[in-house]
Amino acid sequence: LKNRAGKRARKSSGEKKGKGKRAEEEEEEEEEEEEEEEEEEEEEEEEEEEEEEEEEEEEEEEEEEEEEEEEQGEEEEEEEEEED
């Protein structure tokens, strides 16, 4: 009885090894796909961050232009008041 149990154990472990190789290959493929997906996600995030930074820079430039226009307007008003 002990021998039969031992043979069964060896046989089942051998089957597991065979399946293990296939499972390992499948796992490797899945991991590669996951890595590719992660890389794509990271690239998308980087692109989004770059776009956000560009938008912020544009907004800052617009604000600076508005401030300059306001200052010029104030200077012109002051000059007009001085002329009066």
PDB file of N, CA and C in Angstrom:
ATOM      1  N   LEU A   1       0.825  -1.204   0.000  1.00  0.00           N
ATOM      2  CA  LEU A   1       0.000   0.000   0.000  1.00  0.00           C
ATOM      3  C   LEU A   1       0.870   1.269   0.000  1.00  0.00           C
ATOM      4  N   LYS A   2       1.927   1.250   0.771  1.00  0.00           N
ATOM      5  CA  LYS A   2       2.799   2.426   0.830  1.00  0.00           C
ATOM      6  C   LYS A   2       3.402   2.709  -0.547  1.00  0.00           C
ATOM      7  N   ASN A   3       3.817   1.633  -1.245  1.00  0.00           N
ATOM      8  CA  ASN A   3       4.425   1.820  -2.560  1.00  0.00           C
ATOM      9  C   ASN A   3       3.441   2.455  -3.535  1.00  0.00           C
ATOM     10  N   ARG A   4       2.220   1.994  -3.516  1.00  0.00           N
ATOM     11  CA  ARG A   4       1.223   2.563  -4.429  1.00  0.00           C
ATOM     12  C   ARG A   4       1.023   4.045  -4.142  1.00  0.00           C
ATOM     13  N   ALA A   5       0.952   4.380  -2.885  1.00  0.00           N
ATOM     14  CA  ALA A   5       0.761   5.788  -2.513  1.00  0.00           C
ATOM     15  C   ALA A   5       1.956   6.609  -2.998  1.00  0.00           C
ATOM     16  N   GLY A   6       3.153   6.053  -2.855  1.00  0.00           N
ATOM     17  CA  GLY A   6       4.352   6.745  -3.306  1.00  0.00           C
ATOM     18  C   GLY A   6       4.351   6.944  -4.809  1.00  0.00           C
ATOM     19  N   LYS A   7       3.938   5.894  -5.551  1.00  0.00           N
ATOM     20  CA  LYS A   7       3.895   6.003  -7.008  1.00  0.00           C
ATOM     21  C   LYS A   7       2.879   7.061  -7.434  1.00  0.00           C
ATOM     22  N   ARG A   8       1.735   7.035  -6.764  1.00  0.00           N
ATOM     23  CA  ARG A   8       0.710   8.031  -7.102  1.00  0.00           C
ATOM     24  C   ARG A   8       1.233   9.445  -6.847  1.00  0.00           C
ATOM     25  N   ALA A   9       1.910   9.593  -5.734  1.00  0.00           N
ATOM     26  CA  ALA A   9       2.438  10.916  -5.384  1.00  0.00           C
ATOM     27  C   ALA A   9       3.443  11.365  -6.436  1.00  0.00           C
ATOM     28  N   ARG A  10       4.337  10.443  -6.838  1.00  0.00           N
ATOM     29  CA  ARG A  10       5.330  10.797  -7.853  1.00  0.00           C
ATOM     30  C   ARG A  10       4.663  11.107  -9.177  1.00  0.00           C
ATOM     31  N   LYS A  11       3.687  10.275  -9.534  1.00  0.00           N
ATOM     32  CA  LYS A  11       3.001  10.472 -10.809  1.00  0.00           C
ATOM     33  C   LYS A  11       2.274  11.823 -10.812  1.00  0.00           C
ATOM     34  N   SER A  12       1.573  12.109  -9.733  1.00  0.00           N
ATOM     35  CA  SER A  12       0.833  13.368  -9.691  1.00  0.00           C
ATOM     36  C   SER A  12       1.787  14.563  -9.667  1.00  0.00           C
ATOM     37  N   SER A  13       2.923  14.410  -8.980  1.00  0.00           N
ATOM     38  CA  SER A  13       3.866  15.529  -8.962  1.00  0.00           C
ATOM     39  C   SER A  13       4.476  15.710 -10.353  1.00  0.00           C
ATOM     40  N   GLY A  14       4.689  14.626 -11.085  1.00  0.00           N
ATOM     41  CA  GLY A  14       5.185  14.718 -12.451  1.00  0.00           C
ATOM     42  C   GLY A  14       4.184  15.425 -13.344  1.00  0.00           C
ATOM     43  N   GLU A  15       2.941  15.124 -13.173  1.00  0.00           N
ATOM     44  CA  GLU A  15       1.902  15.797 -13.958  1.00  0.00           C
ATOM     45  C   GLU A  15       1.886  17.284 -13.621  1.00  0.00           C
ATOM     46  N   LYS A  16       2.054  17.577 -12.365  1.00  0.00           N
ATOM     47  CA  LYS A  16       2.068  18.981 -11.952  1.00  0.00           C
ATOM     48  C   LYS A  16       3.236  19.716 -12.596  1.00  0.00           C
ATOM     49  N   LYS A  17       4.384  19.015 -12.676  1.00  0.00           N
ATOM     50  CA  LYS A  17       5.545  19.654 -13.289  1.00  0.00           C
ATOM     51  C   LYS A  17       5.266  19.965 -14.748  1.00  0.00           C
ATOM     52  N   GLY A  18       4.675  19.008 -15.457  1.00  0.00           N
ATOM     53  CA  GLY A  18       4.341  19.222 -16.869  1.00  0.00           C
ATOM     54  C   GLY A  18       3.381  20.385 -17.026  1.00  0.00           C
ATOM     55  N   LYS A  19       2.388  20.398 -16.194  1.00  0.00           N
ATOM     56  CA  LYS A  19       1.435  21.502 -16.225  1.00  0.00           C
ATOM     57  C   LYS A  19       2.115  22.791 -15.776  1.00  0.00           C
ATOM     58  N   GLY A  20       3.053  22.620 -14.875  1.00  0.00           N
ATOM     59  CA  GLY A  20       3.761  23.782 -14.354  1.00  0.00           C
ATOM     60  C   GLY A  20       4.508  24.518 -15.442  1.00  0.00           C
ATOM     61  N   LYS A  21       5.121  23.752 -16.359  1.00  0.00           N
ATOM     62  CA  LYS A  21       5.850  24.412 -17.446  1.00  0.00           C
ATOM     63  C   LYS A  21       4.900  25.228 -18.297  1.00  0.00           C
ATOM     64  N   ARG A  22       3.778  24.612 -18.631  1.00  0.00           N
ATOM     65  CA  ARG A  22       2.782  25.355 -19.426  1.00  0.00           C
ATOM     66  C   ARG A  22       2.272  26.554 -18.643  1.00  0.00           C
ATOM     67  N   ALA A  23       1.992  26.309 -17.392  1.00  0.00           N
ATOM     68  CA  ALA A  23       1.489  27.402 -16.552  1.00  0.00           C
ATOM     69  C   ALA A  23       2.536  28.506 -16.444  1.00  0.00           C
ATOM     70  N   GLU A  24       3.811  28.106 -16.308  1.00  0.00           N
ATOM     71  CA  GLU A  24       4.878  29.097 -16.227  1.00  0.00           C
ATOM     72  C   GLU A  24       4.933  29.937 -17.490  1.00  0.00           C
ATOM     73  N   GLU A  25       4.843  29.275 -18.636  1.00  0.00           N
ATOM     74  CA  GLU A  25       4.877  30.001 -19.910  1.00  0.00           C
ATOM     75  C   GLU A  25       3.701  30.963 -20.000  1.00  0.00           C
ATOM     76  N   GLU A  26       2.526  30.477 -19.606  1.00  0.00           N
ATOM     77  CA  GLU A  26       1.347  31.343 -19.638  1.00  0.00           C
ATOM     78  C   GLU A  26       1.527  32.513 -18.681  1.00  0.00           C
ATOM     79  N   GLU A  27       2.064  32.223 -17.506  1.00  0.00           N
ATOM     80  CA  GLU A  27       2.286  33.296 -16.533  1.00  0.00           C
ATOM     81  C   GLU A  27       3.267  34.323 -17.084  1.00  0.00           C
ATOM     82  N   GLU A  28       4.328  33.840 -17.729  1.00  0.00           N
ATOM     83  CA  GLU A  28       5.312  34.751 -18.304  1.00  0.00           C
ATOM     84  C   GLU A  28       4.664  35.635 -19.358  1.00  0.00           C
ATOM     85  N   GLU A  29       3.832  35.012 -20.203  1.00  0.00           N
ATOM     86  CA  GLU A  29       3.142  35.798 -21.234  1.00  0.00           C
ATOM     87  C   GLU A  29       2.234  36.835 -20.586  1.00  0.00           C
ATOM     88  N   GLU A  30       1.511  36.416 -19.563  1.00  0.00           N
ATOM     89  CA  GLU A  30       0.621  37.344 -18.864  1.00  0.00           C
ATOM     90  C   GLU A  30       1.428  38.484 -18.243  1.00  0.00           C
ATOM     91  N   GLU A  31       2.562  38.129 -17.627  1.00  0.00           N
ATOM     92  CA  GLU A  31       3.394  39.164 -17.004  1.00  0.00           C
ATOM     93  C   GLU A  31       3.898  40.145 -18.052  1.00  0.00           C
ATOM     94  N   GLU A  32       4.324  39.625 -19.210  1.00  0.00           N
ATOM     95  CA  GLU A  32       4.798  40.500 -20.277  1.00  0.00           C
ATOM     96  C   GLU A  32       3.686  41.433 -20.730  1.00  0.00           C
ATOM     97  N   GLU A  33       2.477  40.878 -20.893  1.00  0.00           N
ATOM     98  CA  GLU A  33       1.346  41.706 -21.305  1.00  0.00           C
ATOM     99  C   GLU A  33       1.061  42.768 -20.255  1.00  0.00           C
ATOM    100  N   GLU A  34       1.100  42.369 -18.991  1.00  0.00           N
ATOM    101  CA  GLU A  34       0.855  43.330 -17.912  1.00  0.00           C
ATOM    102  C   GLU A  34       1.908  44.431 -17.922  1.00  0.00           C
ATOM    103  N   GLU A  35       3.163  44.030 -18.126  1.00  0.00           N
ATOM    104  CA  GLU A  35       4.239  45.025 -18.164  1.00  0.00           C
ATOM    105  C   GLU A  35       4.022  46.003 -19.309  1.00  0.00           C
ATOM    106  N   GLU A  36       3.633  45.461 -20.476  1.00  0.00           N
ATOM    107  CA  GLU A  36       3.377  46.338 -21.629  1.00  0.00           C
ATOM    108  C   GLU A  36       2.241  47.295 -21.315  1.00  0.00           C
ATOM    109  N   GLU A  37       1.181  46.768 -20.697  1.00  0.00           N
ATOM    110  CA  GLU A  37       0.053  47.626 -20.335  1.00  0.00           C
ATOM    111  C   GLU A  37       0.491  48.707 -19.356  1.00  0.00           C
ATOM    112  N   GLU A  38       1.294  48.319 -18.378  1.00  0.00           N
ATOM    113  CA  GLU A  38       1.775  49.295 -17.395  1.00  0.00           C
ATOM    114  C   GLU A  38       2.611  50.370 -18.070  1.00  0.00           C
ATOM    115  N   GLU A  39       3.477  49.946 -19.003  1.00  0.00           N
ATOM    116  CA  GLU A  39       4.301  50.919 -19.716  1.00  0.00           C
ATOM    117  C   GLU A  39       3.426  51.879 -20.506  1.00  0.00           C
ATOM    118  N   GLU A  40       2.394  51.341 -21.176  1.00  0.00           N
ATOM    119  CA  GLU A  40       1.489  52.198 -21.942  1.00  0.00           C
ATOM    120  C   GLU A  40       0.790  53.178 -21.012  1.00  0.00           C
ATOM    121  N   GLU A  41       0.345  52.685 -19.858  1.00  0.00           N
ATOM    122  CA  GLU A  41      -0.331  53.560 -18.901  1.00  0.00           C
ATOM    123  C   GLU A  41       0.613  54.656 -18.429  1.00  0.00           C
ATOM    124  N   GLU A  42       1.867  54.281 -18.148  1.00  0.00           N
ATOM    125  CA  GLU A  42       2.842  55.272 -17.698  1.00  0.00           C
ATOM    126  C   GLU A  42       3.075  56.323 -18.772  1.00  0.00           C
ATOM    127  N   GLU A  43       3.177  55.880 -20.027  1.00  0.00           N
ATOM    128  CA  GLU A  43       3.379  56.830 -21.127  1.00  0.00           C
ATOM    129  C   GLU A  43       2.179  57.766 -21.226  1.00  0.00           C
ATOM    130  N   GLU A  44       0.973  57.217 -21.108  1.00  0.00           N
ATOM    131  CA  GLU A  44      -0.226  58.056 -21.168  1.00  0.00           C
ATOM    132  C   GLU A  44      -0.218  59.068 -20.028  1.00  0.00           C
ATOM    133  N   GLU A  45       0.151  58.621 -18.830  1.00  0.00           N
ATOM    134  CA  GLU A  45       0.197  59.526 -17.681  1.00  0.00           C
ATOM    135  C   GLU A  45       1.216  60.637 -17.922  1.00  0.00           C
ATOM    136  N   GLU A  46       2.379  60.259 -18.468  1.00  0.00           N
ATOM    137  CA  GLU A  46       3.409  61.267 -18.740  1.00  0.00           C
ATOM    138  C   GLU A  46       2.900  62.277 -19.758  1.00  0.00           C
ATOM    139  N   GLU A  47       2.214  61.796 -20.791  1.00  0.00           N
ATOM    140  CA  GLU A  47       1.678  62.699 -21.808  1.00  0.00           C
ATOM    141  C   GLU A  47       0.660  63.637 -21.177  1.00  0.00           C
ATOM    142  N   GLU A  48      -0.208  63.088 -20.319  1.00  0.00           N
ATOM    143  CA  GLU A  48      -1.207  63.923 -19.651  1.00  0.00           C
ATOM    144  C   GLU A  48      -0.528  64.973 -18.790  1.00  0.00           C
ATOM    145  N   GLU A  49       0.515  64.572 -18.067  1.00  0.00           N
ATOM    146  CA  GLU A  49       1.236  65.527 -17.218  1.00  0.00           C
ATOM    147  C   GLU A  49       1.856  66.631 -18.064  1.00  0.00           C
ATOM    148  N   GLU A  50       2.440  66.247 -19.193  1.00  0.00           N
ATOM    149  CA  GLU A  50       3.049  67.243 -20.077  1.00  0.00           C
ATOM    150  C   GLU A  50       1.986  68.211 -20.582  1.00  0.00           C
ATOM    151  N   GLU A  51       0.836  67.674 -20.969  1.00  0.00           N
ATOM    152  CA  GLU A  51      -0.241  68.541 -21.452  1.00  0.00           C
ATOM    153  C   GLU A  51      -0.684  69.494 -20.354  1.00  0.00           C
ATOM    154  N   GLU A  52      -0.817  68.980 -19.135  1.00  0.00           N
ATOM    155  CA  GLU A  52      -1.224  69.825 -18.016  1.00  0.00           C
ATOM    156  C   GLU A  52      -0.195  70.928 -17.782  1.00  0.00           C
ATOM    157  N   GLU A  53       1.084  70.566 -17.841  1.00  0.00           N
ATOM    158  CA  GLU A  53       2.136  71.558 -17.640  1.00  0.00           C
ATOM    159  C   GLU A  53       2.071  72.629 -18.718  1.00  0.00           C
ATOM    160  N   GLU A  54       1.848  72.212 -19.958  1.00  0.00           N
ATOM    161  CA  GLU A  54       1.751  73.183 -21.050  1.00  0.00           C
ATOM    162  C   GLU A  54       0.568  74.113 -20.829  1.00  0.00           C
ATOM    163  N   GLU A  55      -0.564  73.540 -20.408  1.00  0.00           N
ATOM    164  CA  GLU A  55      -1.744  74.366 -20.146  1.00  0.00           C
ATOM    165  C   GLU A  55      -1.454  75.371 -19.034  1.00  0.00           C
ATOM    166  N   GLU A  56      -0.788  74.901 -17.983  1.00  0.00           N
ATOM    167  CA  GLU A  56      -0.457  75.802 -16.868  1.00  0.00           C
ATOM    168  C   GLU A  56       0.461  76.923 -17.339  1.00  0.00           C
ATOM    169  N   GLU A  57       1.433  76.577 -18.165  1.00  0.00           N
ATOM    170  CA  GLU A  57       2.354  77.593 -18.674  1.00  0.00           C
ATOM    171  C   GLU A  57       1.595  78.613 -19.517  1.00  0.00           C
ATOM    172  N   GLU A  58       0.674  78.138 -20.354  1.00  0.00           N
ATOM    173  CA  GLU A  58      -0.114  79.058 -21.179  1.00  0.00           C
ATOM    174  C   GLU A  58      -0.942  79.978 -20.300  1.00  0.00           C
ATOM    175  N   GLU A  59      -1.557  79.404 -19.261  1.00  0.00           N
ATOM    176  CA  GLU A  59      -2.367  80.220 -18.354  1.00  0.00           C
ATOM    177  C   GLU A  59      -1.499  81.286 -17.677  1.00  0.00           C
ATOM    178  N   GLU A  60      -0.313  80.880 -17.239  1.00  0.00           N
ATOM    179  CA  GLU A  60       0.586  81.835 -16.582  1.00  0.00           C
ATOM    180  C   GLU A  60       0.965  82.953 -17.550  1.00  0.00           C
ATOM    181  N   GLU A  61       1.250  82.595 -18.800  1.00  0.00           N
ATOM    182  CA  GLU A  61       1.604  83.613 -19.794  1.00  0.00           C
ATOM    183  C   GLU A  61       0.446  84.570 -20.014  1.00  0.00           C
ATOM    184  N   GLU A  62      -0.763  84.018 -20.100  1.00  0.00           N
ATOM    185  CA  GLU A  62      -1.941  84.873 -20.292  1.00  0.00           C
ATOM    186  C   GLU A  62      -2.102  85.819 -19.107  1.00  0.00           C
ATOM    187  N   GLU A  63      -1.922  85.297 -17.896  1.00  0.00           N
ATOM    188  CA  GLU A  63      -2.046  86.136 -16.709  1.00  0.00           C
ATOM    189  C   GLU A  63      -1.005  87.250 -16.729  1.00  0.00           C
ATOM    190  N   GLU A  64       0.217  86.900 -17.113  1.00  0.00           N
ATOM    191  CA  GLU A  64       1.272  87.906 -17.170  1.00  0.00           C
ATOM    192  C   GLU A  64       0.928  88.972 -18.201  1.00  0.00           C
ATOM    193  N   GLU A  65       0.417  88.567 -19.348  1.00  0.00           N
ATOM    194  CA  GLU A  65       0.035  89.531 -20.380  1.00  0.00           C
ATOM    195  C   GLU A  65      -1.065  90.448 -19.862  1.00  0.00           C
ATOM    196  N   GLU A  66      -2.048  89.860 -19.170  1.00  0.00           N
ATOM    197  CA  GLU A  66      -3.141  90.668 -18.620  1.00  0.00           C
ATOM    198  C   GLU A  66      -2.596  91.677 -17.616  1.00  0.00           C
ATOM    199  N   GLU A  67      -1.683  91.224 -16.760  1.00  0.00           N
ATOM    200  CA  GLU A  67      -1.101  92.132 -15.767  1.00  0.00           C
ATOM    201  C   GLU A  67      -0.347  93.264 -16.450  1.00  0.00           C
ATOM    202  N   GLU A  68       0.404  92.934 -17.490  1.00  0.00           N
ATOM    203  CA  GLU A  68       1.147  93.964 -18.222  1.00  0.00           C
ATOM    204  C   GLU A  68       0.181  94.964 -18.852  1.00  0.00           C
ATOM    205  N   GLU A  69      -0.912  94.464 -19.425  1.00  0.00           N
ATOM    206  CA  GLU A  69      -1.895  95.361 -20.032  1.00  0.00           C
ATOM    207  C   GLU A  69      -2.511  96.272 -18.979  1.00  0.00           C
ATOM    208  N   GLU A  70      -2.808  95.701 -17.815  1.00  0.00           N
ATOM    209  CA  GLU A  70      -3.380  96.505 -16.742  1.00  0.00           C
ATOM    210  C   GLU A  70      -2.390  97.587 -16.317  1.00  0.00           C
ATOM    211  N   GLU A  71      -1.125  97.210 -16.163  1.00  0.00           N
ATOM    212  CA  GLU A  71      -0.110  98.181 -15.759  1.00  0.00           C
ATOM    213  C   GLU A  71       0.010  99.282 -16.800  1.00  0.00           C
ATOM    214  N   GLN A  72      -0.009  98.893 -18.071  1.00  0.00           N
ATOM    215  CA  GLN A  72       0.085  99.902 -19.133  1.00  0.00           C
ATOM    216  C   GLN A  72      -1.131 100.821 -19.078  1.00  0.00           C
ATOM    217  N   GLY A  73      -2.303 100.235 -18.845  1.00  0.00           N
ATOM    218  CA  GLY A  73      -3.518 101.038 -18.742  1.00  0.00           C
ATOM    219  C   GLY A  73      -3.424 102.021 -17.586  1.00  0.00           C
ATOM    220  N   GLU A  74      -2.908 101.549 -16.447  1.00  0.00           N
ATOM    221  CA  GLU A  74      -2.763 102.427 -15.284  1.00  0.00           C
ATOM    222  C   GLU A  74      -1.759 103.533 -15.580  1.00  0.00           C
ATOM    223  N   GLU A  75      -0.653 103.188 -16.251  1.00  0.00           N
ATOM    224  CA  GLU A  75       0.354 104.196 -16.575  1.00  0.00           C
ATOM    225  C   GLU A  75      -0.233 105.249 -17.504  1.00  0.00           C
ATOM    226  N   GLU A  76      -1.021 104.799 -18.470  1.00  0.00           N
ATOM    227  CA  GLU A  76      -1.629 105.749 -19.403  1.00  0.00           C
ATOM    228  C   GLU A  76      -2.591 106.672 -18.658  1.00  0.00           C
ATOM    229  N   GLU A  77      -3.350 106.113 -17.723  1.00  0.00           N
ATOM    230  CA  GLU A  77      -4.273 106.931 -16.940  1.00  0.00           C
ATOM    231  C   GLU A  77      -3.496 107.966 -16.131  1.00  0.00           C
ATOM    232  N   GLU A  78      -2.400 107.541 -15.525  1.00  0.00           N
ATOM    233  CA  GLU A  78      -1.589 108.451 -14.729  1.00  0.00           C
ATOM    234  C   GLU A  78      -1.033 109.564 -15.611  1.00  0.00           C
ATOM    235  N   GLU A  79      -0.586 109.212 -16.818  1.00  0.00           N
ATOM    236  CA  GLU A  79      -0.042 110.214 -17.724  1.00  0.00           C
ATOM    237  C   GLU A  79      -1.129 111.210 -18.121  1.00  0.00           C
ATOM    238  N   GLU A  80      -2.319 110.709 -18.373  1.00  0.00           N
ATOM    239  CA  GLU A  80      -3.427 111.585 -18.754  1.00  0.00           C
ATOM    240  C   GLU A  80      -3.771 112.526 -17.604  1.00  0.00           C
ATOM    241  N   GLU A  81      -3.759 111.996 -16.368  1.00  0.00           N
ATOM    242  CA  GLU A  81      -4.053 112.825 -15.208  1.00  0.00           C
ATOM    243  C   GLU A  81      -2.985 113.911 -15.045  1.00  0.00           C
ATOM    244  N   GLU A  82      -1.725 113.551 -15.292  1.00  0.00           N
ATOM    245  CA  GLU A  82      -0.643 114.506 -15.171  1.00  0.00           C
ATOM    246  C   GLU A  82      -0.798 115.607 -16.215  1.00  0.00           C
ATOM    247  N   GLU A  83      -1.254 115.232 -17.412  1.00  0.00           N
ATOM    248  CA  GLU A  83      -1.427 116.210 -18.472  1.00  0.00           C
ATOM    249  C   GLU A  83      -2.534 117.198 -18.119  1.00  0.00           C
ATOM    250  N   ASP A  84      -3.559 116.703 -17.454  1.00  0.00           N
ATOM    251  CA  ASP A  84      -4.676 117.576 -17.070  1.00  0.00           C
ATOM    252  C   ASP A  84      -4.182 118.529 -16.015  1.00  0.00           C
TER     253      ASP A  84
END
